[in-house]
Protein backbone atom coordinates (compact mmCIF):
# COMPACT_ATOMS: atom_id res chain seq x y z
CA UNK A 1 -4.15 -16.46 28.88
CA UNK A 2 -3.66 -15.66 32.53
CA UNK A 3 -1.36 -12.80 31.59
CA UNK A 4 -4.20 -10.79 30.09
CA UNK A 5 -5.41 -9.45 33.39
CA UNK A 6 -2.01 -8.39 34.61
CA UNK A 7 -2.10 -4.73 33.47
CA UNK A 8 -2.00 -2.54 36.55
CA UNK A 9 -3.40 0.94 37.17
CA UNK A 10 -1.14 3.99 37.64
CA UNK A 11 -2.07 4.32 41.31
CA UNK A 12 -0.93 0.77 42.06
CA UNK A 13 2.38 0.96 40.16
CA UNK A 14 5.57 0.92 42.11
CA UNK A 15 8.36 3.40 41.38
CA UNK A 16 10.30 0.68 39.54
CA UNK A 17 7.27 -0.15 37.34
CA UNK A 18 6.79 3.50 36.42
CA UNK A 19 10.48 3.73 35.50
CA UNK A 20 10.21 0.65 33.28
CA UNK A 21 7.18 2.08 31.47
CA UNK A 22 8.90 5.41 30.80
CA UNK A 23 12.11 3.69 29.65
CA UNK A 24 10.33 1.44 27.13
CA UNK A 25 8.35 4.34 25.65
CA UNK A 26 11.56 6.36 25.21
CA UNK A 27 13.36 3.39 23.60
CA UNK A 28 10.41 2.80 21.26
CA UNK A 29 10.42 6.45 20.16
CA UNK A 30 14.19 6.43 19.63
CA UNK A 31 14.03 3.19 17.61
CA UNK A 32 12.13 4.82 14.74
CA UNK A 33 14.93 7.32 14.18
CA UNK A 34 18.15 5.81 15.57
CA UNK A 35 17.85 2.02 15.94
CA UNK A 36 21.56 1.61 16.75
CA UNK A 37 21.36 4.05 19.67
CA UNK A 38 18.05 2.52 20.78
CA UNK A 39 19.64 -0.96 20.91
CA UNK A 40 22.45 0.36 23.12
CA UNK A 41 19.90 1.95 25.46
CA UNK A 42 17.88 -1.28 25.52
CA UNK A 43 20.93 -3.34 26.48
CA UNK A 44 21.63 -0.93 29.34
CA UNK A 45 17.99 -0.98 30.43
CA UNK A 46 17.80 -4.79 30.36
CA UNK A 47 20.47 -4.96 33.05
CA UNK A 48 18.97 -2.27 35.24
CA UNK A 49 16.76 -2.58 38.33
CA UNK A 50 13.89 -0.91 36.44
CA UNK A 51 13.65 -3.96 34.18
CA UNK A 52 12.98 -6.15 37.20
CA UNK A 53 9.76 -4.24 37.93
CA UNK A 54 8.04 -4.92 34.59
CA UNK A 55 4.49 -6.29 34.64
CA UNK A 56 3.21 -8.76 32.03
CA UNK A 57 2.31 -6.13 29.44
CA UNK A 58 5.63 -4.32 29.70
CA UNK A 59 7.50 -7.63 29.57
CA UNK A 60 5.93 -8.53 26.24
CA UNK A 61 6.29 -4.96 24.99
CA UNK A 62 9.99 -5.28 25.85
CA UNK A 63 10.36 -8.49 23.82
CA UNK A 64 8.75 -6.93 20.74
CA UNK A 65 11.13 -3.97 21.03
CA UNK A 66 14.16 -6.25 21.37
CA UNK A 67 13.16 -8.26 18.29
CA UNK A 68 12.57 -5.08 16.28
CA UNK A 69 15.89 -3.60 17.33
CA UNK A 70 17.78 -6.77 16.45
CA UNK A 71 16.16 -6.73 13.00
CA UNK A 72 16.85 -3.03 12.40
CA UNK A 73 20.48 -3.50 13.44
CA UNK A 74 20.96 -6.54 11.15
CA UNK A 75 21.11 -9.14 13.94
CA UNK A 76 19.22 -12.43 13.92
CA UNK A 77 16.58 -12.97 16.58
CA UNK A 78 18.01 -14.20 19.86
CA UNK A 79 14.72 -13.99 21.78
CA UNK A 80 12.43 -15.92 19.44
CA UNK A 81 10.71 -17.95 22.17
CA UNK A 82 9.97 -14.79 24.14
CA UNK A 83 8.75 -13.06 20.96
CA UNK A 84 6.33 -15.91 20.22
CA UNK A 85 4.92 -15.50 23.73
CA UNK A 86 4.49 -11.79 23.01
CA UNK A 87 2.62 -12.58 19.76
CA UNK A 88 0.21 -14.90 21.59
CA UNK A 89 -0.17 -12.38 24.42
CA UNK A 90 -1.25 -9.56 22.15
CA UNK A 91 -3.48 -11.86 20.09
CA UNK A 92 -5.26 -12.81 23.31
CA UNK A 93 -6.10 -9.20 24.24
CA UNK A 94 -6.73 -7.69 20.80
CA UNK A 95 -9.89 -8.55 18.88
CA UNK A 96 -10.55 -7.77 15.22
CA UNK A 97 -13.35 -5.43 16.38
CA UNK A 98 -10.93 -2.90 17.83
CA UNK A 99 -11.55 -3.60 21.55
CA UNK A 100 -9.57 -5.62 24.04
CA UNK A 101 -10.73 -7.89 26.83
CA UNK A 102 -10.70 -4.99 29.27
CA UNK A 103 -13.14 -3.01 27.11
CA UNK A 104 -11.60 0.31 28.14
CA UNK A 105 -8.70 2.60 27.34
CA UNK A 106 -5.22 1.66 28.47
CA UNK A 107 -4.24 3.04 31.85
CA UNK A 108 -0.94 4.31 30.42
CA UNK A 109 -2.68 7.19 28.68
CA UNK A 110 -2.82 5.90 25.08
CA UNK A 111 -5.72 4.32 23.23
CA UNK A 112 -6.32 0.59 23.21
CA UNK A 113 -5.73 0.59 19.45
CA UNK A 114 -2.39 2.38 19.74
CA UNK A 115 -1.18 0.17 22.57
CA UNK A 116 -2.50 -3.25 21.66
CA UNK A 117 -3.38 -3.37 17.96
CA UNK A 118 -0.25 -1.58 16.75
CA UNK A 119 2.00 -3.66 19.00
CA UNK A 120 0.19 -6.84 17.92
CA UNK A 121 0.81 -5.98 14.27
CA UNK A 122 4.47 -5.25 15.01
CA UNK A 123 4.80 -8.54 16.86
CA UNK A 124 3.40 -10.46 13.88
CA UNK A 125 5.72 -8.60 11.52
CA UNK A 126 8.83 -9.40 13.56
CA UNK A 127 7.64 -13.00 13.90
CA UNK A 128 7.54 -13.03 10.09
CA UNK A 129 11.14 -11.83 10.03
CA UNK A 130 12.04 -14.77 12.22
CA UNK A 131 10.38 -17.20 9.83
CA UNK A 132 12.16 -15.54 6.91
CA UNK A 133 15.54 -15.96 8.64
CA UNK A 134 14.76 -19.67 8.84
CA UNK A 135 13.81 -19.82 5.13
CA UNK A 136 10.14 -20.41 6.00
CA UNK A 137 8.74 -18.06 3.37
CA UNK A 138 5.13 -19.31 3.52
CA UNK A 139 4.90 -18.66 7.25
CA UNK A 140 6.74 -15.33 6.88
CA UNK A 141 4.29 -14.16 4.22
CA UNK A 142 1.37 -15.23 6.40
CA UNK A 143 2.70 -13.21 9.34
CA UNK A 144 3.29 -10.09 7.23
CA UNK A 145 -0.24 -10.30 5.81
CA UNK A 146 -1.64 -10.88 9.30
CA UNK A 147 0.10 -7.68 10.43
CA UNK A 148 -1.56 -5.78 7.56
CA UNK A 149 -5.01 -7.14 8.39
CA UNK A 150 -4.50 -6.24 12.03
CA UNK A 151 -3.73 -2.63 11.09
CA UNK A 152 -6.45 -2.25 8.47
CA UNK A 153 -9.07 -3.72 10.81
CA UNK A 154 -8.29 -1.38 13.70
CA UNK A 155 -7.29 1.89 12.05
CA UNK A 156 -9.08 4.09 9.53
CA UNK A 157 -7.15 5.21 6.45
CA UNK A 158 -6.77 8.72 7.86
CA UNK A 159 -5.12 7.33 11.01
CA UNK A 160 -2.32 5.66 9.02
CA UNK A 161 0.27 8.41 9.54
CA UNK A 162 3.71 8.77 11.13
CA UNK A 163 4.82 5.46 12.72
CA UNK A 164 1.77 3.57 11.47
CA UNK A 165 2.35 4.73 7.88
CA UNK A 166 6.05 3.80 8.11
CA UNK A 167 5.09 0.38 9.42
CA UNK A 168 2.59 -0.19 6.60
CA UNK A 169 5.17 0.94 4.03
CA UNK A 170 7.79 -1.37 5.55
CA UNK A 171 5.40 -4.36 5.51
CA UNK A 172 4.10 -3.87 1.97
CA UNK A 173 7.59 -3.19 0.60
CA UNK A 174 8.97 -6.30 2.30
CA UNK A 175 6.17 -8.37 0.77
CA UNK A 176 6.98 -6.88 -2.63
CA UNK A 177 10.60 -8.04 -2.25
CA UNK A 178 9.48 -11.49 -1.09
CA UNK A 179 7.10 -11.99 -4.02
CA UNK A 180 9.59 -10.58 -6.50
CA UNK A 181 12.26 -13.03 -5.33
CA UNK A 182 9.81 -15.85 -6.11
CA UNK A 183 9.06 -14.39 -9.59
CA UNK A 184 5.49 -13.55 -8.53
CA UNK A 185 5.28 -10.20 -10.28
CA UNK A 186 1.55 -9.47 -9.98
CA UNK A 187 1.43 -9.82 -6.16
CA UNK A 188 4.70 -7.86 -6.03
CA UNK A 189 3.19 -5.02 -8.05
CA UNK A 190 0.08 -4.95 -5.86
CA UNK A 191 2.15 -4.76 -2.67
CA UNK A 192 4.50 -2.23 -4.24
CA UNK A 193 1.67 0.13 -5.15
CA UNK A 194 0.17 -0.18 -1.67
CA UNK A 195 3.61 0.40 -0.14
CA UNK A 196 4.05 3.48 -2.34
CA UNK A 197 0.93 5.06 -0.83
CA UNK A 198 2.33 4.81 2.69
CA UNK A 199 5.92 5.61 1.68
CA UNK A 200 4.64 8.93 0.29
CA UNK A 201 2.89 9.62 3.62
CA UNK A 202 5.92 8.79 5.76
CA UNK A 203 9.13 8.40 3.69
CA UNK A 204 11.68 6.16 5.36
CA UNK A 205 14.56 7.99 3.62
CA UNK A 206 15.10 10.71 0.99
CA UNK A 207 15.28 7.92 -1.60
CA UNK A 208 12.35 5.84 -0.27
CA UNK A 209 9.68 6.92 -2.77
CA UNK A 210 12.08 6.64 -5.72
CA UNK A 211 13.19 3.19 -4.62
CA UNK A 212 9.62 1.88 -4.41
CA UNK A 213 8.74 3.39 -7.80
CA UNK A 214 11.84 1.75 -9.28
CA UNK A 215 11.01 -1.66 -7.83
CA UNK A 216 7.45 -1.48 -9.20
CA UNK A 217 8.88 -0.63 -12.61
CA UNK A 218 11.25 -3.58 -12.29
CA UNK A 219 8.30 -5.93 -11.84
CA UNK A 220 6.69 -4.63 -15.03
CA UNK A 221 10.06 -5.01 -16.73
CA UNK A 222 10.15 -8.68 -15.75
CA UNK A 223 6.63 -9.08 -17.16
CA UNK A 224 7.84 -7.48 -20.42
CA UNK A 225 5.34 -4.63 -20.04
CA UNK A 226 7.80 -2.06 -21.31
CA UNK A 227 5.57 1.04 -21.31
CA UNK A 228 4.59 0.57 -17.66
CA UNK A 229 8.19 -0.15 -16.68
CA UNK A 230 9.32 3.02 -18.45
CA UNK A 231 6.61 5.04 -16.70
CA UNK A 232 7.75 3.98 -13.24
CA UNK A 233 11.45 4.38 -14.06
CA UNK A 234 10.74 7.96 -15.16
CA UNK A 235 8.72 8.72 -12.02
CA UNK A 236 11.50 7.22 -9.87
CA UNK A 237 14.11 9.50 -11.47
CA UNK A 238 11.88 12.55 -10.98
CA UNK A 239 11.59 11.85 -7.23
CA UNK A 240 15.34 11.49 -6.59
CA UNK A 241 16.80 14.39 -4.56
CA UNK A 242 20.30 13.73 -5.95
CA UNK A 243 22.17 11.32 -8.22
CA UNK A 244 25.00 10.13 -6.02
CA UNK A 245 23.26 7.01 -4.75
CA UNK A 246 22.70 3.37 -5.64
CA UNK A 247 18.99 3.91 -6.44
CA UNK A 248 19.93 6.28 -9.25
CA UNK A 249 22.47 3.81 -10.60
CA UNK A 250 19.92 0.98 -10.46
CA UNK A 251 17.33 3.02 -12.37
CA UNK A 252 19.79 4.15 -15.06
CA UNK A 253 21.05 0.58 -15.51
CA UNK A 254 17.52 -0.82 -15.87
CA UNK A 255 16.57 2.02 -18.23
CA UNK A 256 19.62 1.24 -20.39
CA UNK A 257 18.60 -2.42 -20.74
CA UNK A 258 14.98 -1.48 -21.49
CA UNK A 259 16.08 1.03 -24.11
CA UNK A 260 18.34 -1.61 -25.66
CA UNK A 261 15.40 -4.00 -25.98
CA UNK A 262 13.46 -1.25 -27.78
CA UNK A 263 16.12 0.22 -30.08
CA UNK A 264 18.99 -2.33 -30.02
CA UNK A 265 21.52 0.48 -29.65
CA UNK A 266 24.28 -1.58 -28.01
CA UNK A 267 26.85 1.24 -27.86
CA UNK A 268 24.50 3.59 -26.01
CA UNK A 269 23.37 0.86 -23.58
CA UNK A 270 26.93 -0.29 -22.88
CA UNK A 271 28.06 3.28 -22.33
CA UNK A 272 25.33 3.86 -19.71
CA UNK A 273 25.96 0.53 -17.96
CA UNK A 274 29.72 0.99 -17.83
CA UNK A 275 29.26 4.50 -16.52
CA UNK A 276 27.17 3.13 -13.65
CA UNK A 277 29.85 0.48 -12.97
CA UNK A 278 32.45 3.23 -12.77
CA UNK A 279 30.32 5.04 -10.17
CA UNK A 280 29.69 1.86 -8.11
CA UNK A 281 30.24 2.28 -4.38
CA UNK A 282 32.07 -1.06 -3.94
CA UNK A 283 33.13 -4.29 -5.64
CA UNK A 284 29.86 -6.04 -4.79
CA UNK A 285 27.84 -3.43 -6.66
CA UNK A 286 30.24 -3.65 -9.61
CA UNK A 287 29.77 -7.41 -9.86
CA UNK A 288 25.98 -7.04 -9.66
CA UNK A 289 26.04 -4.83 -12.77
CA UNK A 290 28.46 -7.00 -14.78
CA UNK A 291 25.94 -9.65 -16.08
CA UNK A 292 23.87 -7.03 -17.89
CA UNK A 293 26.97 -5.84 -19.78
CA UNK A 294 27.99 -9.42 -20.53
CA UNK A 295 24.52 -10.21 -21.88
CA UNK A 296 24.66 -7.33 -24.38
CA UNK A 297 28.11 -8.40 -25.56
CA UNK A 298 26.73 -11.91 -26.14
CA UNK A 299 23.80 -10.48 -28.06
CA UNK A 300 26.13 -8.62 -30.45
CA UNK A 301 28.50 -11.60 -30.77
CA UNK A 302 31.50 -10.22 -28.82
CA UNK A 303 32.05 -13.30 -26.65
CA UNK A 304 35.53 -12.45 -25.37
CA UNK A 305 34.28 -9.10 -24.07
CA UNK A 306 31.32 -10.87 -22.46
CA UNK A 307 33.66 -13.26 -20.61
CA UNK A 308 35.58 -10.31 -19.15
CA UNK A 309 32.42 -9.34 -17.27
CA UNK A 310 30.86 -12.73 -16.62
CA UNK A 311 33.79 -14.81 -15.34
CA UNK A 312 34.51 -12.51 -12.34
CA UNK A 313 30.86 -12.89 -11.34
CA UNK A 314 31.22 -16.69 -11.33
CA UNK A 315 34.26 -16.39 -9.06
CA UNK A 316 33.18 -13.71 -6.60
CA UNK A 317 29.39 -13.26 -6.48
CA UNK A 318 27.37 -16.31 -5.49
CA UNK A 319 24.04 -14.45 -5.85
CA UNK A 320 24.68 -13.78 -9.55
CA UNK A 321 26.49 -17.07 -10.23
CA UNK A 322 23.50 -18.75 -11.90
CA UNK A 323 22.90 -15.82 -14.26
CA UNK A 324 26.58 -15.78 -15.22
CA UNK A 325 26.58 -19.58 -15.68
CA UNK A 326 23.62 -19.37 -18.09
CA UNK A 327 25.39 -16.76 -20.23
CA UNK A 328 28.78 -18.54 -20.12
CA UNK A 329 27.19 -21.86 -21.06
CA UNK A 330 25.60 -20.19 -24.10
CA UNK A 331 28.99 -18.77 -25.10
CA UNK A 332 30.67 -22.16 -24.70
CA UNK A 333 28.02 -23.83 -26.88
CA UNK A 334 28.39 -21.19 -29.58
CA UNK A 335 32.18 -21.56 -29.48
CA UNK A 336 31.93 -25.37 -29.55
CA UNK A 337 33.61 -25.81 -26.16
CA UNK A 338 31.53 -28.73 -24.87
CA UNK A 339 33.73 -29.25 -21.79
CA UNK A 340 33.02 -25.80 -20.40
CA UNK A 341 29.42 -26.00 -21.53
CA UNK A 342 28.98 -29.21 -19.52
CA UNK A 343 30.66 -27.62 -16.47
CA UNK A 344 28.22 -24.74 -16.52
CA UNK A 345 25.34 -27.14 -17.22
CA UNK A 346 26.18 -29.06 -14.02
CA UNK A 347 25.93 -25.84 -12.02
CA UNK A 348 22.57 -25.09 -13.60
CA UNK A 349 21.36 -28.65 -13.02
CA UNK A 350 22.04 -28.28 -9.31
CA UNK A 351 20.01 -25.11 -9.37
CA UNK A 352 17.16 -26.88 -11.17
CA UNK A 353 16.04 -28.74 -8.05
CA UNK A 354 16.00 -25.47 -6.14
CA UNK A 355 13.94 -23.88 -8.91
CA UNK A 356 11.38 -26.71 -8.68
CA UNK A 357 11.11 -26.18 -4.94
CA UNK A 358 10.73 -22.45 -5.51
CA UNK A 359 7.89 -23.09 -7.96
CA UNK A 360 6.01 -25.20 -5.43
CA UNK A 361 6.65 -22.59 -2.77
CA UNK A 362 5.43 -19.84 -5.10
CA UNK A 363 2.17 -21.74 -5.55
CA UNK A 364 1.67 -21.89 -1.79
CA UNK A 365 2.58 -18.23 -1.46
CA UNK A 366 0.02 -17.37 -4.11
CA UNK A 367 -2.67 -19.26 -2.17
CA UNK A 368 -1.82 -17.27 0.97
CA UNK A 369 -1.88 -14.01 -0.99
CA UNK A 370 -5.21 -14.84 -2.68
CA UNK A 371 -6.75 -15.49 0.73
CA UNK A 372 -5.58 -12.04 1.79
CA UNK A 373 -7.07 -10.48 -1.36
CA UNK A 374 -10.36 -12.22 -0.62
CA UNK A 375 -10.28 -10.71 2.87
CA UNK A 376 -9.61 -7.29 1.33
CA UNK A 377 -12.55 -7.75 -1.05
CA UNK A 378 -14.87 -8.79 1.74
CA UNK A 379 -13.76 -5.79 3.77
CA UNK A 380 -14.33 -3.48 0.78
CA UNK A 381 -17.78 -5.01 0.24
CA UNK A 382 -18.67 -4.40 3.87
CA UNK A 383 -17.50 -0.80 3.54
CA UNK A 384 -19.57 -0.45 0.36
CA UNK A 385 -22.68 -1.65 2.17
CA UNK A 386 -21.92 0.78 4.98
CA UNK A 387 -21.62 3.59 2.43
CA UNK A 388 -25.02 2.64 1.00
CA UNK A 389 -26.50 2.72 4.48
CA UNK A 390 -24.98 6.15 5.03
CA UNK A 391 -26.48 7.31 1.74
CA UNK A 392 -29.91 6.04 2.83
CA UNK A 393 -29.56 7.84 6.14
CA UNK A 394 -28.55 10.95 4.26
CA UNK A 395 -31.73 10.76 2.16
CA UNK A 396 -33.72 10.34 5.35
CA UNK A 397 -32.06 13.39 6.88
CA UNK A 398 -32.85 15.40 3.75
CA UNK A 399 -36.48 14.38 4.09
CA UNK A 400 -36.48 15.51 7.71
CA UNK A 401 -34.90 18.82 6.73
CA UNK A 402 -37.54 19.33 4.04
CA UNK A 403 -40.29 18.63 6.54
CA UNK A 404 -38.78 21.08 9.01
CA UNK A 405 -38.56 23.76 6.33
CA UNK A 406 -42.19 23.19 5.35
CA UNK A 407 -43.23 23.45 8.98
CA UNK A 408 -41.19 26.60 9.32
CA UNK A 409 -42.88 28.16 6.27
CA UNK A 410 -46.30 27.17 7.57
CA UNK A 411 -45.42 28.58 10.94
CA UNK A 412 -44.35 31.89 9.40
CA UNK A 413 -47.59 32.02 7.43
CA UNK A 414 -49.59 31.35 10.56
CA UNK A 415 -47.68 34.05 12.41
CA UNK A 416 -48.46 36.58 9.65
CA UNK A 417 -52.17 35.67 9.66
CA UNK A 418 -52.37 35.94 13.42
CA UNK A 419 -50.53 39.25 13.40
CA UNK A 420 -53.05 40.66 10.91
CA UNK A 421 -55.95 39.51 13.03
CA UNK A 422 -54.44 40.99 16.18
CA UNK A 423 -54.14 44.35 14.43
CA UNK A 424 -57.81 44.15 13.47
CA UNK A 425 -58.84 43.15 16.98
CA UNK A 426 -56.97 45.38 19.41
CA UNK A 427 -59.12 44.00 22.13
CA UNK A 428 -57.18 40.70 21.87
CA UNK A 429 -53.69 42.32 22.15
CA UNK A 430 -52.62 40.37 25.21
CA UNK A 431 -53.55 37.04 23.65
CA UNK A 432 -51.71 37.99 20.47
CA UNK A 433 -48.46 38.66 22.43
CA UNK A 434 -48.70 35.31 24.19
CA UNK A 435 -49.31 33.38 20.96
CA UNK A 436 -46.46 35.23 19.24
CA UNK A 437 -44.05 34.25 22.01
CA UNK A 438 -45.13 30.62 21.74
CA UNK A 439 -44.66 30.64 17.98
CA UNK A 440 -41.20 32.22 18.36
CA UNK A 441 -40.22 29.47 20.76
CA UNK A 442 -41.36 26.87 18.26
CA UNK A 443 -39.40 28.58 15.53
CA UNK A 444 -36.28 28.62 17.71
CA UNK A 445 -36.75 24.95 18.43
CA UNK A 446 -37.21 24.25 14.74
CA UNK A 447 -34.05 26.22 13.87
CA UNK A 448 -32.13 24.35 16.55
CA UNK A 449 -33.37 21.05 15.13
CA UNK A 450 -32.43 22.26 11.66
CA UNK A 451 -28.89 23.04 12.88
CA UNK A 452 -28.67 19.58 14.47
CA UNK A 453 -29.81 17.98 11.25
CA UNK A 454 -27.34 20.08 9.27
CA UNK A 455 -24.50 18.95 11.55
CA UNK A 456 -25.55 15.32 11.09
CA UNK A 457 -25.73 15.86 7.34
CA UNK A 458 -22.19 17.28 7.33
CA UNK A 459 -20.95 14.29 9.32
CA UNK A 460 -22.60 11.89 6.88
CA UNK A 461 -21.10 13.85 3.98
CA UNK A 462 -17.62 13.41 5.51
CA UNK A 463 -18.23 9.69 6.02
CA UNK A 464 -19.48 9.35 2.45
CA UNK A 465 -16.33 11.10 1.16
CA UNK A 466 -14.17 8.75 3.24
CA UNK A 467 -16.05 5.79 1.77
CA UNK A 468 -15.47 7.21 -1.72
CA UNK A 469 -11.73 7.46 -1.02
CA UNK A 470 -11.77 3.84 0.14
CA UNK A 471 -13.52 2.85 -3.08
CA UNK A 472 -10.86 4.69 -5.09
CA UNK A 473 -8.06 3.01 -3.18
CA UNK A 474 -9.57 -0.41 -3.96
CA UNK A 475 -10.37 0.47 -7.61
CA UNK A 476 -7.13 -0.98 -9.14
CA UNK A 477 -7.59 -4.33 -7.39
CA UNK A 478 -11.33 -4.56 -8.14
CA UNK A 479 -10.68 -3.77 -11.80
CA UNK A 480 -7.88 -6.36 -11.94
CA UNK A 481 -10.20 -8.98 -10.41
CA UNK A 482 -12.94 -8.19 -12.91
CA UNK A 483 -10.48 -8.47 -15.80
CA UNK A 484 -9.31 -11.87 -14.68
CA UNK A 485 -12.88 -13.05 -14.07
CA UNK A 486 -13.47 -13.41 -17.85
CA UNK A 487 -17.21 -12.78 -17.56
CA UNK A 488 -19.12 -11.54 -20.68
CA UNK A 489 -19.98 -8.12 -19.23
CA UNK A 490 -16.69 -7.38 -17.49
CA UNK A 491 -15.98 -4.23 -19.60
CA UNK A 492 -19.30 -2.69 -18.54
CA UNK A 493 -18.61 -3.67 -14.92
CA UNK A 494 -15.15 -2.11 -15.08
CA UNK A 495 -16.70 1.11 -16.41
CA UNK A 496 -19.30 0.96 -13.62
CA UNK A 497 -16.54 0.54 -11.00
CA UNK A 498 -14.71 3.56 -12.44
CA UNK A 499 -17.89 5.69 -12.50
CA UNK A 500 -18.65 4.63 -8.90
CA UNK A 501 -15.17 5.70 -7.77
CA UNK A 502 -15.17 8.91 -9.86
CA UNK A 503 -18.83 9.99 -10.26
CA UNK A 504 -19.49 12.23 -13.26
CA UNK A 505 -15.97 11.85 -14.71
CA UNK A 506 -17.13 10.21 -17.96
CA UNK A 507 -19.86 12.79 -18.41
CA UNK A 508 -17.30 15.60 -18.06
CA UNK A 509 -15.10 13.89 -20.66
CA UNK A 510 -18.06 13.67 -23.08
CA UNK A 511 -18.86 17.38 -22.58
CA UNK A 512 -15.26 18.41 -23.19
CA UNK A 513 -14.72 16.04 -26.13
CA UNK A 514 -18.14 15.50 -27.74
CA UNK A 515 -16.52 13.95 -30.83
CA UNK A 516 -15.17 10.95 -28.91
CA UNK A 517 -16.72 7.61 -29.81
CA UNK A 518 -17.89 5.20 -27.12
CA UNK A 519 -14.83 2.97 -27.74
CA UNK A 520 -12.46 5.94 -27.50
CA UNK A 521 -14.07 7.04 -24.24
CA UNK A 522 -13.67 3.49 -22.89
CA UNK A 523 -10.01 3.48 -23.95
CA UNK A 524 -9.57 6.83 -22.18
CA UNK A 525 -10.68 5.15 -18.93
CA UNK A 526 -8.78 1.87 -19.53
CA UNK A 527 -5.58 3.85 -20.13
CA UNK A 528 -6.06 5.60 -16.77
CA UNK A 529 -6.55 2.15 -15.18
CA UNK A 530 -3.15 1.10 -16.66
CA UNK A 531 -4.42 -1.66 -18.95
CA UNK A 532 -2.01 -2.77 -21.64
CA UNK A 533 -2.95 -2.67 -25.30
CA UNK A 534 -3.31 -6.45 -25.36
CA UNK A 535 -5.68 -6.38 -22.38
CA UNK A 536 -7.71 -3.53 -23.91
CA UNK A 537 -8.06 -5.56 -27.10
CA UNK A 538 -9.29 -8.50 -25.05
CA UNK A 539 -11.88 -6.37 -23.24
CA UNK A 540 -13.12 -4.56 -26.35
CA UNK A 541 -13.14 -7.65 -28.57
CA UNK A 542 -10.81 -5.97 -31.05
CA UNK A 543 -7.42 -6.75 -32.49
CA UNK A 544 -4.40 -5.21 -30.84
CA UNK A 545 -3.59 -3.21 -33.99
CA UNK A 546 -7.12 -1.77 -33.99
CA UNK A 547 -6.72 -0.78 -30.35
CA UNK A 548 -3.42 0.96 -31.16
CA UNK A 549 -5.18 2.88 -33.95
CA UNK A 550 -7.94 3.88 -31.52
CA UNK A 551 -5.25 5.03 -29.08
CA UNK A 552 -3.68 7.20 -31.80
CA UNK A 553 -7.07 8.76 -32.66
CA UNK A 554 -7.72 9.36 -28.95
CA UNK A 555 -4.42 11.18 -28.45
CA UNK A 556 -5.17 13.41 -31.44
CA UNK A 557 -8.70 14.26 -30.35
CA UNK A 558 -7.70 14.97 -26.75
CA UNK A 559 -4.29 16.51 -27.59
CA UNK A 560 -2.65 13.97 -25.26
CA UNK A 561 -4.80 15.08 -22.35
CA UNK A 562 -5.10 12.84 -19.27
CA UNK A 563 -8.40 11.74 -17.78
CA UNK A 564 -6.96 12.72 -14.36
CA UNK A 565 -8.15 16.31 -14.92
CA UNK A 566 -11.76 15.10 -15.20
CA UNK A 567 -11.82 12.99 -12.03
CA UNK A 568 -13.06 15.77 -9.77
CA UNK A 569 -16.04 18.02 -10.47
């Protein structure tokens, strides 16, 4: 694009251009903390003379900011055409190799990555919001994933802090919501766990971490993986700073339903759910919680009580209308009221076409997501090869260090021999002093080389540790891929992946618990990797009951210890 070369140097900027740069940077900073105030400042800036002096870069930067501020203030995009131009602009100057077409740092005093790559990712994200507003979920998902790839290609894991971490958390959490709405629980869980990593680094609110933990648990709940759902619900409650908030009420409500499925204690579940209804902040929240209460009343045969909670939902809450219609149709059929049953059936029939469309859309979304996972795997493989190269270089450096030490020892021996000879031959004193000085210089040079090698070794060690952290971050996804691959040796490969990510961990377990069998040790690892009993049975070639018995033996032998304590030497 012709606009690429339009970035000007500080010396050539006019006073108006400098003012526009400073104003946009201030608005951007304010947006991350007070988007409502930032929008007001942006509206004032847009009508000022400073806005007239913007160059091409600042103009596109301005459009990204406007789109972000509209989104964060719950307004639909009104500058979509300008935003699309901004997306293309940044794509034209940012390569996936981390350099732009100028090949040098930005003249505004920030790195090329910070200026171009981060803004390009933000532009793609906001473009995804625009697609979502137009019900184009496939395109929205593609834009969100493109934003993630842009960030992960240009920034190391350690650089994902502050604004970058908040952006990654926002993107992953939005994808989790998108996949969850399409009943795609596995992609939702993957995105939720990734979002949790960045939400912990840069929480968006006091309830941010708890909310993400809850939503991950909700996905497991939908998959009927009760133990995992319970785990995340518990962790979500532990992270809450207080209990006067909707996240707490959501967790307690979901816990009540999960507990009811386990123990069928209707009175306890109804008591918890009604208590959360009583604490609801508004009528909308009350109606959202009604269907769960109605469902329990249906389950215990109290249909009149169920109607008290379900009929208001049909009248006032369109988002929960289908759920209420399903329950009310079931009641009508059980009561023999075919007229009402048919009325509710018509509502559900109209929804059926939408459900079919959603299923087709979910298939397309899954294809887009699988392409992203393949990209992640290829990136991880490239990083693995780089780690192997670093290890080879490290071995080479060790060899060089050994050679230097040997030379140093030989040099010291030579110095001692020469010193002895000089004492025996006082006539050669002057020569001895000269040779000693030369040897000392060589020793100093050798020590200096040794220090240089040691510094390089330390740098390689740091890089190797970073690579190990990357391998650990990718471990859940690599293990999940291996499980789904259904190859004969997948259990051994899963164990190899775990040992590669946590070297020596299994050996430490064996030393601490020498009475563990091989199967129990494998279950110890599989439990840490969050495999369900059914999946463990599949991997081990055992029945599920046998796996449960192994689990019981394992807990007794290890006194309910966790493998987490053996992960680090």
